[in-house]
Amino acid sequence: MPDAIRFCFDICCQGTVLEGASLEIIEVPGLASCCQCGTKVNLEQPFGMCDRCGSVELKIIQGEELKIKSMEIEELCA
């Protein structure tokens, strides 16, 4: 849930050296595999239904990743 991460990031940074830092989130589309028939199902939410057999037993295989790609920091002079 990117919106929740954005909200928490701003709150957690307040009053720290990270205050004013920016966060860029690149969302990866959700993808699941049906446990009944194996069909790959595109997901817009963390749940769904198989397009082929109607099963709701899905194993999420993409879209829950959380990786820090890079960080840039400025050195503060005291």
Protein backbone atom coordinates (compact mmCIF):
# COMPACT_ATOMS: atom_id res chain seq x y z
CA MET A 1 0.00 0.00 0.00
CA PRO A 2 2.12 2.90 -1.28
CA ASP A 3 -0.12 5.59 0.27
CA ALA A 4 0.39 4.12 3.74
CA ILE A 5 4.17 4.00 3.23
CA ARG A 6 4.21 7.63 2.07
CA PHE A 7 2.17 8.72 5.10
CA CYS A 8 4.35 6.77 7.56
CA PHE A 9 7.55 8.03 5.95
CA ASP A 10 6.55 11.66 6.42
CA ILE A 11 5.45 11.09 10.02
CA CYS A 12 8.56 9.08 10.95
CA CYS A 13 10.91 11.70 9.47
CA GLN A 14 9.48 14.62 11.45
CA GLY A 15 12.00 16.00 13.94
CA THR A 16 14.88 13.90 12.57
CA VAL A 17 17.73 14.56 10.16
CA LEU A 18 15.48 13.03 7.50
CA GLU A 19 12.85 15.75 7.84
CA GLY A 20 12.24 17.18 4.39
CA ALA A 21 13.54 14.05 2.65
CA SER A 22 11.67 12.88 -0.41
CA LEU A 23 10.44 9.38 -1.12
CA GLU A 24 9.93 8.04 -4.62
CA ILE A 25 7.90 4.86 -4.96
CA ILE A 26 7.88 2.92 -8.21
CA GLU A 27 4.90 0.59 -8.10
CA VAL A 28 5.20 -2.89 -9.59
CA PRO A 29 1.93 -4.33 -10.96
CA GLY A 30 0.44 -7.15 -8.89
CA LEU A 31 0.51 -10.66 -10.31
CA ALA A 32 -0.73 -13.92 -8.81
CA SER A 33 -0.84 -17.56 -9.75
CA CYS A 34 -4.08 -19.51 -9.31
CA CYS A 35 -3.59 -22.43 -6.91
CA GLN A 36 -6.30 -24.44 -8.73
CA CYS A 37 -5.43 -24.12 -12.42
CA GLY A 38 -2.09 -22.26 -12.50
CA THR A 39 -3.36 -19.29 -14.53
CA LYS A 40 -1.49 -16.02 -14.03
CA VAL A 41 -3.87 -13.31 -12.74
CA ASN A 42 -3.24 -9.55 -12.81
CA LEU A 43 -4.06 -7.90 -9.47
CA GLU A 44 -4.94 -4.31 -8.69
CA GLN A 45 -5.47 -5.14 -5.00
CA PRO A 46 -3.83 -7.72 -2.70
CA PHE A 47 -6.67 -10.16 -3.48
CA GLY A 48 -8.64 -11.25 -6.51
CA MET A 49 -10.25 -14.05 -8.46
CA CYS A 50 -8.95 -16.29 -11.22
CA ASP A 51 -10.22 -15.21 -14.63
CA ARG A 52 -10.20 -18.81 -15.87
CA CYS A 53 -11.71 -20.97 -13.09
CA GLY A 54 -13.11 -18.41 -10.61
CA SER A 55 -10.99 -19.58 -7.68
CA VAL A 56 -10.01 -17.07 -5.01
CA GLU A 57 -7.03 -19.21 -3.94
CA LEU A 58 -4.25 -17.11 -5.40
CA LYS A 59 -0.56 -17.03 -4.59
CA ILE A 60 0.89 -13.54 -5.02
CA ILE A 61 4.08 -13.75 -7.08
CA GLN A 62 4.72 -10.08 -7.87
CA GLY A 63 3.83 -6.69 -6.44
CA GLU A 64 4.71 -7.06 -2.75
CA GLU A 65 8.40 -6.26 -3.22
CA LEU A 66 9.93 -3.49 -1.20
CA LYS A 67 13.48 -2.67 -2.21
CA ILE A 68 15.53 0.43 -1.66
CA LYS A 69 17.07 1.16 -5.03
CA SER A 70 19.18 4.13 -3.98
CA MET A 71 19.69 6.79 -1.35
CA GLU A 72 21.29 10.18 -1.72
CA ILE A 73 22.58 11.97 1.34
CA GLU A 74 24.14 15.37 1.79
CA GLU A 75 26.88 15.71 4.32
CA LEU A 76 26.08 18.43 6.83
CA CYS A 77 28.87 20.73 7.99
CA ALA A 78 28.72 21.61 11.69
